[in-house]
């Protein structure tokens, strides 16, 4: 069984004491590919450094909406430098966050658009954060000739359908396994070809690990959940979503 964790922050300080053990745990359950997005300049640089050490780690670089207020010419030039790296697979994590609103919404939207424009210019996918902002995010990306993934998708069937018709994937992680998860019906209806799986480690641990530090090995719980919802084997879900991720990120 081959698995791609399409969104894990292995450069996070929560892994500083046992990163190799965390990676080994993931390899032991079949994770062969790790996409590691940044959320600011420094975390993006750390993701790139990890990709040099580990052949199965692929970095992404970008400015998260929480840090949109700090976006400037230096940040944009830094992203352009990241895009020169051979293993970089996406601009991300970028987008909108109307839940915490750590940057003004108009600033978030402007910075999101500027990074989408870069993705369009460089012909590279994007990794989108869209917490409590799904409709605005869908509307904004529709104006750009870009593809990518709506990470940590928690929307409706109708939203998932629109996203996939635009050529994007939806990223399904631990929150889907929570009791009363609202995306249950969406996942049942969405074709598996439109899905990639993720952990968002060290955050959003799946049931039954909820409340603990998340790690890529726990992706197995999300795969099992999708397999049950869609009445498929876990091997089939793992293989199709693995191929979806490699195709999207051109690995």
Foldseek 3Di string as FASTA:
>chain_A
DAFEAQEAALVDPVCVPPSVVLVVLLVVLHYQAYEHEAAFLVSQVSQLVVCVVDVRYAYAYEHALLCLVVDDPVRVVSNVVSLVDPRHQEHDDAEDAPPVCNDPRVSSLVRRLVRLVVCLVSVHAYEYEAHVNLVVRLVSNLVGLHEEEDECDQDELVSLVSNVVSVYAYEHEQLCQDPPRPCLVNLQPDDLLRYAYHHHFQDRQHPPCPPHGHGNSSSLVVLVSSCVSNVHDSVVSRVSNRVSSCVNRVD
